[in-house]
Amino acid sequence: MEQFLLNVNGKNLEVNVDPNTPILWVLRDHLNLVGTKYGCGIAQCGACTIHLNGAAVRSCQLPISSIGKNKVTTIEGLSENGEHPVQKAWLEHDVPQCGYCQSGQIMSASALLETNTNPSDEEIDSAMNGNICRCGTYTRIKAAIKTASKS
């Protein structure tokens, strides 16, 4: 076990864990931030997507020892009350069905819009590639991203 100082959602937090522990499990099991979901465990489905210094990354394969002083943002840190433009657009377009993948989808979409405020369909497809939705709400996801880009 080692002690790690993390910046998560703008707060400095300490945890004592094995250095190889994926940040997903630190967030869920040690910091009680359970909005980030476990999906495949091999960084292929996108359910575990978080932001690392604003970039969308998969947390299930990212060891805490690699975080360092980078800023971690989870779905809980995107906005205090669900007022982020992507979250509002998600509701406007009734994107969620089962909802399991949605935090990862929202984190990928919000990272895209931070760097590209008016993405094309192809740019959305590229940024969202690897975020799997078993319910198949991809058309509504794309519509919500386009709506959020206008906010």
N, C-alpha and C. Protein backbone atom coordinates (compact mmCIF):
# COMPACT_ATOMS: atom_id res chain seq x y z
N MET A 1 0.84 -1.19 0.00
CA MET A 1 0.00 0.00 0.00
C MET A 1 0.88 1.25 0.00
N GLU A 2 0.42 2.23 -0.76
CA GLU A 2 1.09 3.52 -0.79
C GLU A 2 0.06 4.62 -0.65
N GLN A 3 0.49 5.75 -0.21
CA GLN A 3 -0.38 6.90 -0.08
C GLN A 3 -0.28 7.75 -1.36
N PHE A 4 -1.46 8.14 -1.89
CA PHE A 4 -1.52 8.97 -3.09
C PHE A 4 -2.37 10.19 -2.79
N LEU A 5 -1.89 11.33 -3.24
CA LEU A 5 -2.64 12.58 -3.16
C LEU A 5 -3.18 12.85 -4.55
N LEU A 6 -4.49 12.93 -4.65
CA LEU A 6 -5.17 13.10 -5.93
C LEU A 6 -5.96 14.40 -5.95
N ASN A 7 -6.09 14.98 -7.13
CA ASN A 7 -7.01 16.10 -7.32
C ASN A 7 -8.20 15.54 -8.10
N VAL A 8 -9.31 15.34 -7.40
CA VAL A 8 -10.51 14.76 -8.00
C VAL A 8 -11.65 15.77 -7.87
N ASN A 9 -12.21 16.14 -8.99
CA ASN A 9 -13.32 17.08 -9.02
C ASN A 9 -13.01 18.36 -8.26
N GLY A 10 -11.75 18.80 -8.38
CA GLY A 10 -11.32 20.05 -7.76
C GLY A 10 -10.96 19.95 -6.29
N LYS A 11 -11.00 18.76 -5.73
CA LYS A 11 -10.65 18.57 -4.32
C LYS A 11 -9.39 17.73 -4.21
N ASN A 12 -8.53 18.08 -3.25
CA ASN A 12 -7.35 17.26 -2.98
C ASN A 12 -7.74 16.18 -2.00
N LEU A 13 -7.51 14.94 -2.38
CA LEU A 13 -7.91 13.78 -1.58
C LEU A 13 -6.75 12.82 -1.45
N GLU A 14 -6.67 12.14 -0.31
CA GLU A 14 -5.63 11.14 -0.07
C GLU A 14 -6.25 9.75 0.00
N VAL A 15 -5.56 8.79 -0.59
CA VAL A 15 -5.96 7.39 -0.50
C VAL A 15 -4.73 6.53 -0.28
N ASN A 16 -4.91 5.43 0.39
CA ASN A 16 -3.86 4.43 0.59
C ASN A 16 -4.28 3.17 -0.15
N VAL A 17 -3.60 2.90 -1.27
CA VAL A 17 -3.95 1.74 -2.09
C VAL A 17 -2.70 1.18 -2.74
N ASP A 18 -2.84 0.01 -3.30
CA ASP A 18 -1.77 -0.58 -4.09
C ASP A 18 -1.55 0.30 -5.32
N PRO A 19 -0.30 0.58 -5.69
CA PRO A 19 -0.03 1.45 -6.85
C PRO A 19 -0.61 0.95 -8.17
N ASN A 20 -0.89 -0.32 -8.28
CA ASN A 20 -1.44 -0.88 -9.52
C ASN A 20 -2.97 -0.82 -9.57
N THR A 21 -3.61 -0.32 -8.53
CA THR A 21 -5.06 -0.26 -8.50
C THR A 21 -5.57 0.70 -9.58
N PRO A 22 -6.46 0.23 -10.45
CA PRO A 22 -7.03 1.15 -11.45
C PRO A 22 -7.78 2.29 -10.76
N ILE A 23 -7.66 3.49 -11.33
CA ILE A 23 -8.31 4.66 -10.76
C ILE A 23 -9.83 4.45 -10.65
N LEU A 24 -10.42 3.64 -11.52
CA LEU A 24 -11.84 3.33 -11.43
C LEU A 24 -12.19 2.82 -10.03
N TRP A 25 -11.40 1.87 -9.53
CA TRP A 25 -11.71 1.26 -8.24
C TRP A 25 -11.38 2.19 -7.09
N VAL A 26 -10.41 3.06 -7.27
CA VAL A 26 -10.13 4.08 -6.25
C VAL A 26 -11.33 5.01 -6.14
N LEU A 27 -11.83 5.46 -7.29
CA LEU A 27 -12.98 6.36 -7.30
C LEU A 27 -14.20 5.69 -6.66
N ARG A 28 -14.51 4.49 -7.09
CA ARG A 28 -15.72 3.81 -6.63
C ARG A 28 -15.60 3.29 -5.19
N ASP A 29 -14.52 2.58 -4.91
CA ASP A 29 -14.42 1.86 -3.63
C ASP A 29 -13.82 2.68 -2.50
N HIS A 30 -12.98 3.65 -2.82
CA HIS A 30 -12.30 4.40 -1.77
C HIS A 30 -12.83 5.83 -1.61
N LEU A 31 -13.36 6.39 -2.70
CA LEU A 31 -13.84 7.77 -2.65
C LEU A 31 -15.37 7.87 -2.78
N ASN A 32 -16.02 6.73 -2.94
CA ASN A 32 -17.49 6.64 -3.04
C ASN A 32 -18.05 7.50 -4.18
N LEU A 33 -17.31 7.61 -5.27
CA LEU A 33 -17.77 8.29 -6.47
C LEU A 33 -18.19 7.20 -7.45
N VAL A 34 -19.44 6.79 -7.37
CA VAL A 34 -19.89 5.60 -8.09
C VAL A 34 -20.56 5.90 -9.43
N GLY A 35 -20.51 7.15 -9.88
CA GLY A 35 -21.07 7.48 -11.19
C GLY A 35 -20.28 6.89 -12.33
N THR A 36 -18.99 6.72 -12.15
CA THR A 36 -18.14 6.08 -13.15
C THR A 36 -18.38 4.58 -13.05
N LYS A 37 -18.75 3.96 -14.14
CA LYS A 37 -19.19 2.56 -14.14
C LYS A 37 -18.10 1.60 -14.61
N TYR A 38 -18.18 0.38 -14.11
CA TYR A 38 -17.36 -0.72 -14.59
C TYR A 38 -18.15 -1.41 -15.70
N GLY A 39 -17.53 -1.56 -16.85
CA GLY A 39 -18.19 -2.25 -17.96
C GLY A 39 -17.43 -3.50 -18.33
N CYS A 40 -16.44 -3.35 -19.19
CA CYS A 40 -15.73 -4.52 -19.72
C CYS A 40 -14.45 -4.84 -18.95
N GLY A 41 -13.85 -3.85 -18.34
CA GLY A 41 -12.60 -4.06 -17.62
C GLY A 41 -11.35 -4.07 -18.49
N ILE A 42 -11.53 -3.88 -19.81
CA ILE A 42 -10.37 -3.87 -20.71
C ILE A 42 -10.31 -2.60 -21.56
N ALA A 43 -10.95 -1.54 -21.08
CA ALA A 43 -10.91 -0.22 -21.72
C ALA A 43 -11.47 -0.21 -23.13
N GLN A 44 -12.50 -1.02 -23.39
CA GLN A 44 -13.07 -1.10 -24.73
C GLN A 44 -14.51 -0.59 -24.83
N CYS A 45 -15.23 -0.48 -23.70
CA CYS A 45 -16.66 -0.14 -23.80
C CYS A 45 -16.96 1.32 -23.48
N GLY A 46 -16.09 2.00 -22.75
CA GLY A 46 -16.28 3.41 -22.47
C GLY A 46 -17.10 3.73 -21.23
N ALA A 47 -17.68 2.75 -20.56
CA ALA A 47 -18.50 3.04 -19.38
C ALA A 47 -17.70 3.70 -18.27
N CYS A 48 -16.41 3.46 -18.23
CA CYS A 48 -15.55 3.97 -17.16
C CYS A 48 -14.86 5.28 -17.51
N THR A 49 -15.31 5.97 -18.54
CA THR A 49 -14.63 7.18 -19.01
C THR A 49 -14.68 8.30 -17.97
N ILE A 50 -13.51 8.89 -17.73
CA ILE A 50 -13.35 10.06 -16.88
C ILE A 50 -12.51 11.07 -17.66
N HIS A 51 -12.30 12.23 -17.08
CA HIS A 51 -11.38 13.20 -17.69
C HIS A 51 -10.09 13.23 -16.88
N LEU A 52 -8.99 13.25 -17.58
CA LEU A 52 -7.67 13.45 -16.99
C LEU A 52 -7.12 14.71 -17.65
N ASN A 53 -7.07 15.78 -16.87
CA ASN A 53 -6.71 17.10 -17.40
C ASN A 53 -7.59 17.47 -18.60
N GLY A 54 -8.86 17.11 -18.55
CA GLY A 54 -9.81 17.47 -19.59
C GLY A 54 -9.95 16.48 -20.73
N ALA A 55 -9.04 15.53 -20.83
CA ALA A 55 -9.10 14.54 -21.91
C ALA A 55 -9.86 13.30 -21.44
N ALA A 56 -10.69 12.76 -22.30
CA ALA A 56 -11.44 11.54 -21.98
C ALA A 56 -10.49 10.35 -21.96
N VAL A 57 -10.49 9.60 -20.84
CA VAL A 57 -9.66 8.40 -20.71
C VAL A 57 -10.48 7.30 -20.05
N ARG A 58 -10.07 6.08 -20.30
CA ARG A 58 -10.72 4.93 -19.68
C ARG A 58 -10.06 4.67 -18.33
N SER A 59 -10.84 4.61 -17.29
CA SER A 59 -10.29 4.49 -15.93
C SER A 59 -10.08 3.06 -15.47
N CYS A 60 -10.65 2.09 -16.15
CA CYS A 60 -10.55 0.70 -15.67
C CYS A 60 -9.17 0.10 -15.84
N GLN A 61 -8.36 0.67 -16.73
CA GLN A 61 -7.02 0.15 -16.97
C GLN A 61 -5.93 1.16 -16.62
N LEU A 62 -6.30 2.25 -15.98
CA LEU A 62 -5.37 3.32 -15.66
C LEU A 62 -4.96 3.22 -14.19
N PRO A 63 -3.72 2.77 -13.92
CA PRO A 63 -3.32 2.60 -12.52
C PRO A 63 -3.17 3.95 -11.81
N ILE A 64 -3.53 3.96 -10.54
CA ILE A 64 -3.44 5.20 -9.77
C ILE A 64 -2.02 5.75 -9.78
N SER A 65 -1.03 4.89 -9.86
CA SER A 65 0.36 5.35 -9.86
C SER A 65 0.70 6.22 -11.06
N SER A 66 -0.12 6.18 -12.11
CA SER A 66 0.15 6.98 -13.30
C SER A 66 -0.56 8.34 -13.27
N ILE A 67 -1.35 8.61 -12.26
CA ILE A 67 -2.14 9.84 -12.21
C ILE A 67 -1.29 11.05 -11.85
N GLY A 68 -0.43 10.91 -10.86
CA GLY A 68 0.43 12.02 -10.44
C GLY A 68 -0.38 13.24 -10.06
N LYS A 69 0.02 14.40 -10.57
CA LYS A 69 -0.65 15.66 -10.25
C LYS A 69 -1.74 16.03 -11.26
N ASN A 70 -2.06 15.11 -12.15
CA ASN A 70 -3.10 15.37 -13.14
C ASN A 70 -4.46 15.53 -12.46
N LYS A 71 -5.30 16.35 -13.05
CA LYS A 71 -6.63 16.59 -12.50
C LYS A 71 -7.61 15.56 -13.04
N VAL A 72 -8.30 14.89 -12.14
CA VAL A 72 -9.30 13.89 -12.46
C VAL A 72 -10.68 14.51 -12.32
N THR A 73 -11.51 14.34 -13.33
CA THR A 73 -12.90 14.77 -13.24
C THR A 73 -13.78 13.57 -13.54
N THR A 74 -14.75 13.35 -12.68
CA THR A 74 -15.72 12.28 -12.86
C THR A 74 -17.05 12.90 -13.26
N ILE A 75 -18.03 12.07 -13.55
CA ILE A 75 -19.36 12.57 -13.89
C ILE A 75 -19.91 13.43 -12.75
N GLU A 76 -19.56 13.10 -11.51
CA GLU A 76 -20.03 13.90 -10.37
C GLU A 76 -19.43 15.30 -10.38
N GLY A 77 -18.24 15.44 -10.97
CA GLY A 77 -17.55 16.72 -11.00
C GLY A 77 -17.84 17.54 -12.25
N LEU A 78 -18.56 16.97 -13.20
CA LEU A 78 -18.86 17.70 -14.44
C LEU A 78 -19.71 18.93 -14.13
N SER A 79 -20.69 18.76 -13.26
CA SER A 79 -21.51 19.88 -12.79
C SER A 79 -22.16 19.46 -11.49
N GLU A 80 -22.32 20.40 -10.60
CA GLU A 80 -22.88 20.08 -9.28
C GLU A 80 -24.34 19.66 -9.34
N ASN A 81 -25.08 20.19 -10.30
CA ASN A 81 -26.52 19.95 -10.31
C ASN A 81 -27.06 19.52 -11.68
N GLY A 82 -26.23 18.94 -12.51
CA GLY A 82 -26.68 18.46 -13.82
C GLY A 82 -26.94 19.56 -14.82
N GLU A 83 -26.30 20.70 -14.65
CA GLU A 83 -26.53 21.84 -15.53
C GLU A 83 -25.51 21.96 -16.67
N HIS A 84 -24.61 21.01 -16.78
CA HIS A 84 -23.67 21.04 -17.90
C HIS A 84 -24.48 20.94 -19.20
N PRO A 85 -24.10 21.67 -20.24
CA PRO A 85 -24.85 21.63 -21.51
C PRO A 85 -25.06 20.21 -22.05
N VAL A 86 -24.07 19.34 -21.90
CA VAL A 86 -24.24 17.97 -22.40
C VAL A 86 -25.29 17.23 -21.57
N GLN A 87 -25.27 17.40 -20.28
CA GLN A 87 -26.26 16.74 -19.43
C GLN A 87 -27.68 17.24 -19.75
N LYS A 88 -27.81 18.53 -19.96
CA LYS A 88 -29.12 19.09 -20.30
C LYS A 88 -29.59 18.57 -21.66
N ALA A 89 -28.68 18.50 -22.63
CA ALA A 89 -29.04 18.00 -23.96
C ALA A 89 -29.42 16.52 -23.90
N TRP A 90 -28.75 15.77 -23.04
CA TRP A 90 -29.07 14.34 -22.88
C TRP A 90 -30.53 14.18 -22.47
N LEU A 91 -30.98 15.01 -21.54
CA LEU A 91 -32.37 14.94 -21.09
C LEU A 91 -33.32 15.43 -22.17
N GLU A 92 -32.95 16.51 -22.85
CA GLU A 92 -33.80 17.06 -23.91
C GLU A 92 -34.06 16.04 -25.00
N HIS A 93 -33.06 15.21 -25.31
CA HIS A 93 -33.20 14.22 -26.38
C HIS A 93 -33.56 12.83 -25.87
N ASP A 94 -33.89 12.72 -24.59
CA ASP A 94 -34.25 11.42 -24.00
C ASP A 94 -33.25 10.34 -24.36
N VAL A 95 -31.96 10.65 -24.19
CA VAL A 95 -30.92 9.71 -24.60
C VAL A 95 -30.95 8.42 -23.77
N PRO A 96 -30.97 8.49 -22.43
CA PRO A 96 -30.82 7.25 -21.67
C PRO A 96 -32.01 6.30 -21.82
N GLN A 97 -31.69 5.04 -21.93
CA GLN A 97 -32.70 4.00 -21.79
C GLN A 97 -32.36 3.27 -20.50
N CYS A 98 -31.45 2.31 -20.54
CA CYS A 98 -31.06 1.66 -19.29
C CYS A 98 -30.17 2.59 -18.46
N GLY A 99 -29.40 3.44 -19.15
CA GLY A 99 -28.58 4.44 -18.47
C GLY A 99 -27.20 4.01 -18.06
N TYR A 100 -26.87 2.74 -18.17
CA TYR A 100 -25.60 2.27 -17.63
C TYR A 100 -24.39 2.94 -18.27
N CYS A 101 -24.42 3.12 -19.56
CA CYS A 101 -23.26 3.68 -20.27
C CYS A 101 -23.23 5.20 -20.26
N GLN A 102 -24.27 5.83 -19.76
CA GLN A 102 -24.44 7.25 -19.98
C GLN A 102 -23.37 8.14 -19.36
N SER A 103 -22.86 7.80 -18.18
CA SER A 103 -21.82 8.67 -17.62
C SER A 103 -20.58 8.66 -18.51
N GLY A 104 -20.22 7.50 -19.03
CA GLY A 104 -19.08 7.42 -19.94
C GLY A 104 -19.34 8.15 -21.25
N GLN A 105 -20.56 8.02 -21.76
CA GLN A 105 -20.93 8.73 -22.99
C GLN A 105 -20.85 10.25 -22.77
N ILE A 106 -21.39 10.71 -21.67
CA ILE A 106 -21.41 12.15 -21.37
C ILE A 106 -19.99 12.67 -21.18
N MET A 107 -19.14 11.91 -20.51
CA MET A 107 -17.76 12.36 -20.30
C MET A 107 -17.01 12.44 -21.63
N SER A 108 -17.22 11.48 -22.53
CA SER A 108 -16.57 11.54 -23.84
C SER A 108 -17.10 12.72 -24.65
N ALA A 109 -18.41 12.92 -24.63
CA ALA A 109 -19.01 14.02 -25.39
C ALA A 109 -18.55 15.38 -24.86
N SER A 110 -18.50 15.53 -23.55
CA SER A 110 -18.09 16.83 -22.98
C SER A 110 -16.62 17.12 -23.26
N ALA A 111 -15.78 16.09 -23.26
CA ALA A 111 -14.36 16.29 -23.62
C ALA A 111 -14.24 16.72 -25.07
N LEU A 112 -15.02 16.12 -25.96
CA LEU A 112 -15.03 16.52 -27.37
C LEU A 112 -15.37 17.99 -27.49
N LEU A 113 -16.44 18.42 -26.84
CA LEU A 113 -16.92 19.79 -26.99
C LEU A 113 -16.00 20.82 -26.34
N GLU A 114 -15.15 20.38 -25.44
CA GLU A 114 -14.14 21.29 -24.87
C GLU A 114 -13.10 21.68 -25.91
N THR A 115 -12.83 20.78 -26.84
CA THR A 115 -11.80 21.04 -27.85
C THR A 115 -12.37 21.36 -29.23
N ASN A 116 -13.64 21.05 -29.43
CA ASN A 116 -14.28 21.27 -30.74
C ASN A 116 -15.72 21.69 -30.48
N THR A 117 -15.99 22.96 -30.56
CA THR A 117 -17.32 23.48 -30.21
C THR A 117 -18.37 23.28 -31.29
N ASN A 118 -17.95 22.85 -32.47
CA ASN A 118 -18.90 22.62 -33.55
C ASN A 118 -18.49 21.39 -34.36
N PRO A 119 -18.55 20.21 -33.73
CA PRO A 119 -18.06 19.01 -34.43
C PRO A 119 -18.99 18.54 -35.54
N SER A 120 -18.38 18.01 -36.57
CA SER A 120 -19.13 17.39 -37.67
C SER A 120 -19.60 16.00 -37.23
N ASP A 121 -20.46 15.39 -38.01
CA ASP A 121 -20.90 14.03 -37.71
C ASP A 121 -19.71 13.08 -37.62
N GLU A 122 -18.75 13.24 -38.53
CA GLU A 122 -17.58 12.37 -38.55
C GLU A 122 -16.72 12.58 -37.30
N GLU A 123 -16.59 13.83 -36.88
CA GLU A 123 -15.81 14.11 -35.67
C GLU A 123 -16.49 13.57 -34.42
N ILE A 124 -17.81 13.64 -34.37
CA ILE A 124 -18.56 13.05 -33.26
C ILE A 124 -18.37 11.54 -33.26
N ASP A 125 -18.53 10.93 -34.43
CA ASP A 125 -18.34 9.47 -34.53
C ASP A 125 -16.95 9.06 -34.05
N SER A 126 -15.95 9.81 -34.45
CA SER A 126 -14.58 9.49 -34.06
C SER A 126 -14.38 9.63 -32.55
N ALA A 127 -14.87 10.73 -31.98
CA ALA A 127 -14.69 10.97 -30.55
C ALA A 127 -15.46 9.97 -29.70
N MET A 128 -16.60 9.53 -30.19
CA MET A 128 -17.46 8.62 -29.42
C MET A 128 -17.17 7.15 -29.73
N ASN A 129 -16.27 6.90 -30.67
CA ASN A 129 -15.92 5.52 -31.02
C ASN A 129 -15.40 4.80 -29.78
N GLY A 130 -15.95 3.64 -29.53
CA GLY A 130 -15.53 2.87 -28.36
C GLY A 130 -16.42 3.08 -27.15
N ASN A 131 -17.35 4.01 -27.22
CA ASN A 131 -18.36 4.14 -26.18
C ASN A 131 -19.57 3.34 -26.64
N ILE A 132 -19.74 2.20 -26.04
CA ILE A 132 -20.77 1.26 -26.47
C ILE A 132 -22.06 1.48 -25.69
N CYS A 133 -23.17 1.51 -26.41
CA CYS A 133 -24.50 1.61 -25.81
C CYS A 133 -25.28 0.38 -26.24
N ARG A 134 -25.53 -0.50 -25.30
CA ARG A 134 -26.26 -1.72 -25.62
C ARG A 134 -27.69 -1.44 -26.07
N CYS A 135 -28.23 -0.30 -25.66
CA CYS A 135 -29.60 0.05 -26.03
C CYS A 135 -29.67 0.67 -27.42
N GLY A 136 -28.52 1.05 -27.98
CA GLY A 136 -28.48 1.56 -29.34
C GLY A 136 -29.00 2.98 -29.51
N THR A 137 -28.73 3.84 -28.54
CA THR A 137 -29.25 5.21 -28.61
C THR A 137 -28.29 6.15 -29.35
N TYR A 138 -27.51 5.63 -30.25
CA TYR A 138 -26.49 6.42 -30.93
C TYR A 138 -27.05 7.63 -31.68
N THR A 139 -28.20 7.50 -32.30
CA THR A 139 -28.79 8.63 -33.03
C THR A 139 -29.14 9.76 -32.06
N ARG A 140 -29.71 9.41 -30.91
CA ARG A 140 -30.05 10.44 -29.91
C ARG A 140 -28.79 11.02 -29.28
N ILE A 141 -27.76 10.20 -29.09
CA ILE A 141 -26.50 10.69 -28.55
C ILE A 141 -25.93 11.76 -29.48
N LYS A 142 -25.89 11.46 -30.76
CA LYS A 142 -25.34 12.43 -31.73
C LYS A 142 -26.19 13.70 -31.73
N ALA A 143 -27.51 13.57 -31.70
CA ALA A 143 -28.38 14.75 -31.68
C ALA A 143 -28.13 15.58 -30.42
N ALA A 144 -27.94 14.92 -29.29
CA ALA A 144 -27.70 15.64 -28.03
C ALA A 144 -26.36 16.38 -28.08
N ILE A 145 -25.36 15.76 -28.66
CA ILE A 145 -24.05 16.42 -28.79
C ILE A 145 -24.18 17.65 -29.66
N LYS A 146 -24.93 17.55 -30.75
CA LYS A 146 -25.13 18.70 -31.63
C LYS A 146 -25.87 19.82 -30.89
N THR A 147 -26.88 19.45 -30.11
CA THR A 147 -27.60 20.46 -29.32
C THR A 147 -26.68 21.11 -28.30
N ALA A 148 -25.89 20.31 -27.59
CA ALA A 148 -24.97 20.84 -26.58
C ALA A 148 -23.93 21.76 -27.20
N SER A 149 -23.55 21.48 -28.44
CA SER A 149 -22.53 22.30 -29.08
C SER A 149 -23.06 23.71 -29.37
N LYS A 150 -24.35 23.88 -29.38
CA LYS A 150 -24.94 25.19 -29.62
C LYS A 150 -25.16 25.97 -28.34
N SER A 151 -24.90 25.33 -27.20
CA SER A 151 -25.12 25.98 -25.89
C SER A 151 -23.99 26.88 -25.49
